[in-house]
Amino acid sequence: MPWVTDLTEFSIPAGKACPSPVIDCHDGMPVAWTIGTSPDSALANGMLADACSTLKDGEKPIIHSD
């Protein structure tokens, strides 16, 4: 069960937008995501906590991030 994640920063007229998704490599669908205004550890940790909350008993995904 491989998952991939990355944190990206976009400049938009209102400021910065930083999406942080986790994608399931099996079907390409997002497992969880967070969006904030700063690419910080709170954003990444929140996304990982949300993704982990979707796991069933015994599931242990491998997570890859650049």
PDB file of N, CA and C in Angstrom:
ATOM      1  N   MET A   1       0.845  -1.162   0.000  1.00  0.00           N
ATOM      2  CA  MET A   1       0.000   0.000   0.000  1.00  0.00           C
ATOM      3  C   MET A   1       0.904   1.243   0.000  1.00  0.00           C
ATOM      4  N   PRO A   2       1.430   1.626  -1.135  1.00  0.00           N
ATOM      5  CA  PRO A   2       2.272   2.831  -1.180  1.00  0.00           C
ATOM      6  C   PRO A   2       1.451   4.121  -1.254  1.00  0.00           C
ATOM      7  N   TRP A   3       1.883   5.083  -0.484  1.00  0.00           N
ATOM      8  CA  TRP A   3       1.336   6.443  -0.521  1.00  0.00           C
ATOM      9  C   TRP A   3       2.461   7.389  -0.887  1.00  0.00           C
ATOM     10  N   VAL A   4       2.140   8.460  -1.597  1.00  0.00           N
ATOM     11  CA  VAL A   4       3.116   9.510  -1.885  1.00  0.00           C
ATOM     12  C   VAL A   4       2.564  10.840  -1.391  1.00  0.00           C
ATOM     13  N   THR A   5       3.470  11.746  -1.042  1.00  0.00           N
ATOM     14  CA  THR A   5       3.058  13.058  -0.554  1.00  0.00           C
ATOM     15  C   THR A   5       4.077  14.109  -0.965  1.00  0.00           C
ATOM     16  N   ASP A   6       3.627  15.318  -1.052  1.00  0.00           N
ATOM     17  CA  ASP A   6       4.500  16.451  -1.332  1.00  0.00           C
ATOM     18  C   ASP A   6       3.786  17.699  -0.841  1.00  0.00           C
ATOM     19  N   LEU A   7       4.545  18.684  -0.503  1.00  0.00           N
ATOM     20  CA  LEU A   7       3.992  19.952  -0.059  1.00  0.00           C
ATOM     21  C   LEU A   7       4.384  20.995  -1.099  1.00  0.00           C
ATOM     22  N   THR A   8       3.404  21.688  -1.657  1.00  0.00           N
ATOM     23  CA  THR A   8       3.626  22.633  -2.747  1.00  0.00           C
ATOM     24  C   THR A   8       3.173  24.022  -2.318  1.00  0.00           C
ATOM     25  N   GLU A   9       3.826  25.027  -2.865  1.00  0.00           N
ATOM     26  CA  GLU A   9       3.451  26.414  -2.551  1.00  0.00           C
ATOM     27  C   GLU A   9       3.059  27.124  -3.847  1.00  0.00           C
ATOM     28  N   PHE A  10       1.877  27.731  -3.853  1.00  0.00           N
ATOM     29  CA  PHE A  10       1.395  28.517  -4.980  1.00  0.00           C
ATOM     30  C   PHE A  10       1.257  29.969  -4.550  1.00  0.00           C
ATOM     31  N   SER A  11       1.606  30.867  -5.442  1.00  0.00           N
ATOM     32  CA  SER A  11       1.367  32.284  -5.203  1.00  0.00           C
ATOM     33  C   SER A  11       0.073  32.653  -5.907  1.00  0.00           C
ATOM     34  N   ILE A  12      -0.890  33.163  -5.146  1.00  0.00           N
ATOM     35  CA  ILE A  12      -2.177  33.569  -5.695  1.00  0.00           C
ATOM     36  C   ILE A  12      -2.416  35.031  -5.315  1.00  0.00           C
ATOM     37  N   PRO A  13      -3.361  35.710  -5.936  1.00  0.00           N
ATOM     38  CA  PRO A  13      -3.587  37.122  -5.625  1.00  0.00           C
ATOM     39  C   PRO A  13      -3.800  37.413  -4.136  1.00  0.00           C
ATOM     40  N   ALA A  14      -4.389  36.477  -3.408  1.00  0.00           N
ATOM     41  CA  ALA A  14      -4.657  36.699  -1.985  1.00  0.00           C
ATOM     42  C   ALA A  14      -3.453  36.384  -1.097  1.00  0.00           C
ATOM     43  N   GLY A  15      -2.359  35.856  -1.668  1.00  0.00           N
ATOM     44  CA  GLY A  15      -1.181  35.490  -0.877  1.00  0.00           C
ATOM     45  C   GLY A  15      -0.647  34.148  -1.320  1.00  0.00           C
ATOM     46  N   LYS A  16      -0.314  33.298  -0.350  1.00  0.00           N
ATOM     47  CA  LYS A  16       0.203  31.960  -0.647  1.00  0.00           C
ATOM     48  C   LYS A  16      -0.840  30.903  -0.301  1.00  0.00           C
ATOM     49  N   ALA A  17      -0.835  29.843  -1.092  1.00  0.00           N
ATOM     50  CA  ALA A  17      -1.653  28.663  -0.805  1.00  0.00           C
ATOM     51  C   ALA A  17      -0.720  27.464  -0.843  1.00  0.00           C
ATOM     52  N   CYS A  18      -0.762  26.650   0.195  1.00  0.00           N
ATOM     53  CA  CYS A  18       0.137  25.502   0.315  1.00  0.00           C
ATOM     54  C   CYS A  18      -0.676  24.226   0.515  1.00  0.00           C
ATOM     55  N   PRO A  19      -0.980  23.504  -0.569  1.00  0.00           N
ATOM     56  CA  PRO A  19      -1.663  22.222  -0.407  1.00  0.00           C
ATOM     57  C   PRO A  19      -0.665  21.124  -0.050  1.00  0.00           C
ATOM     58  N   SER A  20      -1.116  20.196   0.778  1.00  0.00           N
ATOM     59  CA  SER A  20      -0.285  19.069   1.207  1.00  0.00           C
ATOM     60  C   SER A  20      -1.134  17.795   1.168  1.00  0.00           C
ATOM     61  N   PRO A  21      -1.129  17.080   0.023  1.00  0.00           N
ATOM     62  CA  PRO A  21      -1.943  15.868  -0.093  1.00  0.00           C
ATOM     63  C   PRO A  21      -1.160  14.588   0.160  1.00  0.00           C
ATOM     64  N   VAL A  22      -1.891  13.517   0.441  1.00  0.00           N
ATOM     65  CA  VAL A  22      -1.375  12.147   0.421  1.00  0.00           C
ATOM     66  C   VAL A  22      -2.167  11.436  -0.662  1.00  0.00           C
ATOM     67  N   ILE A  23      -1.454  10.812  -1.611  1.00  0.00           N
ATOM     68  CA  ILE A  23      -2.099  10.125  -2.728  1.00  0.00           C
ATOM     69  C   ILE A  23      -1.834   8.627  -2.616  1.00  0.00           C
ATOM     70  N   ASP A  24      -2.881   7.837  -2.812  1.00  0.00           N
ATOM     71  CA  ASP A  24      -2.768   6.376  -2.832  1.00  0.00           C
ATOM     72  C   ASP A  24      -2.270   5.961  -4.213  1.00  0.00           C
ATOM     73  N   CYS A  25      -1.128   5.311  -4.281  1.00  0.00           N
ATOM     74  CA  CYS A  25      -0.551   4.913  -5.574  1.00  0.00           C
ATOM     75  C   CYS A  25      -1.361   3.822  -6.264  1.00  0.00           C
ATOM     76  N   HIS A  26      -2.179   3.108  -5.519  1.00  0.00           N
ATOM     77  CA  HIS A  26      -2.979   2.034  -6.120  1.00  0.00           C
ATOM     78  C   HIS A  26      -4.026   2.587  -7.077  1.00  0.00           C
ATOM     79  N   ASP A  27      -4.755   3.618  -6.650  1.00  0.00           N
ATOM     80  CA  ASP A  27      -5.827   4.141  -7.494  1.00  0.00           C
ATOM     81  C   ASP A  27      -5.653   5.621  -7.855  1.00  0.00           C
ATOM     82  N   GLY A  28      -4.604   6.275  -7.342  1.00  0.00           N
ATOM     83  CA  GLY A  28      -4.350   7.678  -7.677  1.00  0.00           C
ATOM     84  C   GLY A  28      -5.250   8.666  -6.969  1.00  0.00           C
ATOM     85  N   MET A  29      -6.041   8.189  -6.031  1.00  0.00           N
ATOM     86  CA  MET A  29      -6.976   9.059  -5.325  1.00  0.00           C
ATOM     87  C   MET A  29      -6.332   9.647  -4.073  1.00  0.00           C
ATOM     88  N   PRO A  30      -6.740  10.873  -3.713  1.00  0.00           N
ATOM     89  CA  PRO A  30      -6.229  11.442  -2.464  1.00  0.00           C
ATOM     90  C   PRO A  30      -6.774  10.691  -1.257  1.00  0.00           C
ATOM     91  N   VAL A  31      -5.897  10.439  -0.303  1.00  0.00           N
ATOM     92  CA  VAL A  31      -6.283   9.798   0.950  1.00  0.00           C
ATOM     93  C   VAL A  31      -6.703  10.884   1.937  1.00  0.00           C
ATOM     94  N   ALA A  32      -5.919  11.959   1.981  1.00  0.00           N
ATOM     95  CA  ALA A  32      -6.187  13.098   2.860  1.00  0.00           C
ATOM     96  C   ALA A  32      -5.374  14.284   2.350  1.00  0.00           C
ATOM     97  N   TRP A  33      -5.749  15.480   2.800  1.00  0.00           N
ATOM     98  CA  TRP A  33      -4.990  16.665   2.433  1.00  0.00           C
ATOM     99  C   TRP A  33      -5.252  17.779   3.419  1.00  0.00           C
ATOM    100  N   THR A  34      -4.324  18.702   3.457  1.00  0.00           N
ATOM    101  CA  THR A  34      -4.497  19.929   4.213  1.00  0.00           C
ATOM    102  C   THR A  34      -4.075  21.078   3.310  1.00  0.00           C
ATOM    103  N   ILE A  35      -4.582  22.246   3.600  1.00  0.00           N
ATOM    104  CA  ILE A  35      -4.215  23.457   2.856  1.00  0.00           C
ATOM    105  C   ILE A  35      -3.974  24.551   3.876  1.00  0.00           C
ATOM    106  N   GLY A  36      -2.869  25.262   3.707  1.00  0.00           N
ATOM    107  CA  GLY A  36      -2.540  26.351   4.617  1.00  0.00           C
ATOM    108  C   GLY A  36      -1.869  27.485   3.886  1.00  0.00           C
ATOM    109  N   THR A  37      -1.389  28.447   4.634  1.00  0.00           N
ATOM    110  CA  THR A  37      -0.717  29.603   4.048  1.00  0.00           C
ATOM    111  C   THR A  37       0.789  29.568   4.254  1.00  0.00           C
ATOM    112  N   SER A  38       1.280  28.530   4.942  1.00  0.00           N
ATOM    113  CA  SER A  38       2.710  28.406   5.194  1.00  0.00           C
ATOM    114  C   SER A  38       3.108  26.935   5.111  1.00  0.00           C
ATOM    115  N   PRO A  39       4.172  26.612   4.356  1.00  0.00           N
ATOM    116  CA  PRO A  39       4.598  25.216   4.241  1.00  0.00           C
ATOM    117  C   PRO A  39       5.414  24.784   5.461  1.00  0.00           C
ATOM    118  N   ASP A  40       4.721  24.497   6.548  1.00  0.00           N
ATOM    119  CA  ASP A  40       5.413  24.192   7.798  1.00  0.00           C
ATOM    120  C   ASP A  40       5.079  22.781   8.295  1.00  0.00           C
ATOM    121  N   SER A  41       5.712  22.394   9.386  1.00  0.00           N
ATOM    122  CA  SER A  41       5.515  21.048   9.921  1.00  0.00           C
ATOM    123  C   SER A  41       4.091  20.819  10.408  1.00  0.00           C
ATOM    124  N   ALA A  42       3.426  21.849  10.904  1.00  0.00           N
ATOM    125  CA  ALA A  42       2.042  21.683  11.358  1.00  0.00           C
ATOM    126  C   ALA A  42       1.144  21.257  10.196  1.00  0.00           C
ATOM    127  N   LEU A  43       1.381  21.816   9.031  1.00  0.00           N
ATOM    128  CA  LEU A  43       0.604  21.469   7.841  1.00  0.00           C
ATOM    129  C   LEU A  43       0.855  20.009   7.459  1.00  0.00           C
ATOM    130  N   ALA A  44       2.119  19.605   7.402  1.00  0.00           N
ATOM    131  CA  ALA A  44       2.469  18.230   7.036  1.00  0.00           C
ATOM    132  C   ALA A  44       2.002  17.234   8.091  1.00  0.00           C
ATOM    133  N   ASN A  45       2.188  17.551   9.361  1.00  0.00           N
ATOM    134  CA  ASN A  45       1.771  16.641  10.427  1.00  0.00           C
ATOM    135  C   ASN A  45       0.255  16.477  10.465  1.00  0.00           C
ATOM    136  N   GLY A  46      -0.477  17.547  10.214  1.00  0.00           N
ATOM    137  CA  GLY A  46      -1.935  17.463  10.167  1.00  0.00           C
ATOM    138  C   GLY A  46      -2.406  16.556   9.040  1.00  0.00           C
ATOM    139  N   MET A  47      -1.762  16.677   7.884  1.00  0.00           N
ATOM    140  CA  MET A  47      -2.102  15.840   6.745  1.00  0.00           C
ATOM    141  C   MET A  47      -1.813  14.379   7.054  1.00  0.00           C
ATOM    142  N   LEU A  48      -0.669  14.092   7.672  1.00  0.00           N
ATOM    143  CA  LEU A  48      -0.336  12.714   8.015  1.00  0.00           C
ATOM    144  C   LEU A  48      -1.294  12.137   9.057  1.00  0.00           C
ATOM    145  N   ALA A  49      -1.677  12.939  10.039  1.00  0.00           N
ATOM    146  CA  ALA A  49      -2.642  12.474  11.046  1.00  0.00           C
ATOM    147  C   ALA A  49      -3.984  12.160  10.395  1.00  0.00           C
ATOM    148  N   ASP A  50      -4.425  13.015   9.474  1.00  0.00           N
ATOM    149  CA  ASP A  50      -5.685  12.771   8.770  1.00  0.00           C
ATOM    150  C   ASP A  50      -5.604  11.501   7.932  1.00  0.00           C
ATOM    151  N   ALA A  51      -4.476  11.306   7.248  1.00  0.00           N
ATOM    152  CA  ALA A  51      -4.308  10.108   6.424  1.00  0.00           C
ATOM    153  C   ALA A  51      -4.292   8.853   7.287  1.00  0.00           C
ATOM    154  N   CYS A  52      -3.577   8.891   8.394  1.00  0.00           N
ATOM    155  CA  CYS A  52      -3.498   7.725   9.279  1.00  0.00           C
ATOM    156  C   CYS A  52      -4.848   7.375   9.887  1.00  0.00           C
ATOM    157  N   SER A  53      -5.702   8.365  10.057  1.00  0.00           N
ATOM    158  CA  SER A  53      -7.027   8.097  10.630  1.00  0.00           C
ATOM    159  C   SER A  53      -7.912   7.300   9.672  1.00  0.00           C
ATOM    160  N   THR A  54      -7.521   7.178   8.397  1.00  0.00           N
ATOM    161  CA  THR A  54      -8.305   6.405   7.430  1.00  0.00           C
ATOM    162  C   THR A  54      -7.896   4.936   7.395  1.00  0.00           C
ATOM    163  N   LEU A  55      -6.807   4.585   8.076  1.00  0.00           N
ATOM    164  CA  LEU A  55      -6.291   3.216   8.028  1.00  0.00           C
ATOM    165  C   LEU A  55      -7.172   2.260   8.821  1.00  0.00           C
ATOM    166  N   LYS A  56      -7.300   1.057   8.280  1.00  0.00           N
ATOM    167  CA  LYS A  56      -7.993  -0.022   8.983  1.00  0.00           C
ATOM    168  C   LYS A  56      -6.968  -0.787   9.809  1.00  0.00           C
ATOM    169  N   ASP A  57      -7.433  -1.587  10.747  1.00  0.00           N
ATOM    170  CA  ASP A  57      -6.528  -2.393  11.578  1.00  0.00           C
ATOM    171  C   ASP A  57      -5.603  -3.226  10.705  1.00  0.00           C
ATOM    172  N   GLY A  58      -4.315  -3.176  11.005  1.00  0.00           N
ATOM    173  CA  GLY A  58      -3.332  -3.978  10.293  1.00  0.00           C
ATOM    174  C   GLY A  58      -2.758  -3.337   9.047  1.00  0.00           C
ATOM    175  N   GLU A  59      -3.346  -2.260   8.556  1.00  0.00           N
ATOM    176  CA  GLU A  59      -2.808  -1.588   7.369  1.00  0.00           C
ATOM    177  C   GLU A  59      -1.585  -0.773   7.759  1.00  0.00           C
ATOM    178  N   LYS A  60      -0.532  -0.931   6.975  1.00  0.00           N
ATOM    179  CA  LYS A  60       0.732  -0.226   7.248  1.00  0.00           C
ATOM    180  C   LYS A  60       1.289   0.286   5.929  1.00  0.00           C
ATOM    181  N   PRO A  61       0.866   1.457   5.500  1.00  0.00           N
ATOM    182  CA  PRO A  61       1.333   1.973   4.213  1.00  0.00           C
ATOM    183  C   PRO A  61       2.798   2.381   4.262  1.00  0.00           C
ATOM    184  N   ILE A  62       3.415   2.367   3.110  1.00  0.00           N
ATOM    185  CA  ILE A  62       4.752   2.924   2.929  1.00  0.00           C
ATOM    186  C   ILE A  62       4.546   4.322   2.364  1.00  0.00           C
ATOM    187  N   ILE A  63       5.126   5.334   3.001  1.00  0.00           N
ATOM    188  CA  ILE A  63       4.931   6.713   2.562  1.00  0.00           C
ATOM    189  C   ILE A  63       6.224   7.243   1.967  1.00  0.00           C
ATOM    190  N   HIS A  64       6.125   7.798   0.754  1.00  0.00           N
ATOM    191  CA  HIS A  64       7.287   8.403   0.093  1.00  0.00           C
ATOM    192  C   HIS A  64       7.049   9.893  -0.062  1.00  0.00           C
ATOM    193  N   SER A  65       8.059  10.674   0.282  1.00  0.00           N
ATOM    194  CA  SER A  65       8.015  12.109   0.109  1.00  0.00           C
ATOM    195  C   SER A  65       9.394  12.579  -0.341  1.00  0.00           C
ATOM    196  N   ASP A  66       9.437  13.593  -1.184  1.00  0.00           N
ATOM    197  CA  ASP A  66      10.718  14.154  -1.617  1.00  0.00           C
ATOM    198  C   ASP A  66      11.321  14.996  -0.524  1.00  0.00           C
TER     199      ASP A  66
END
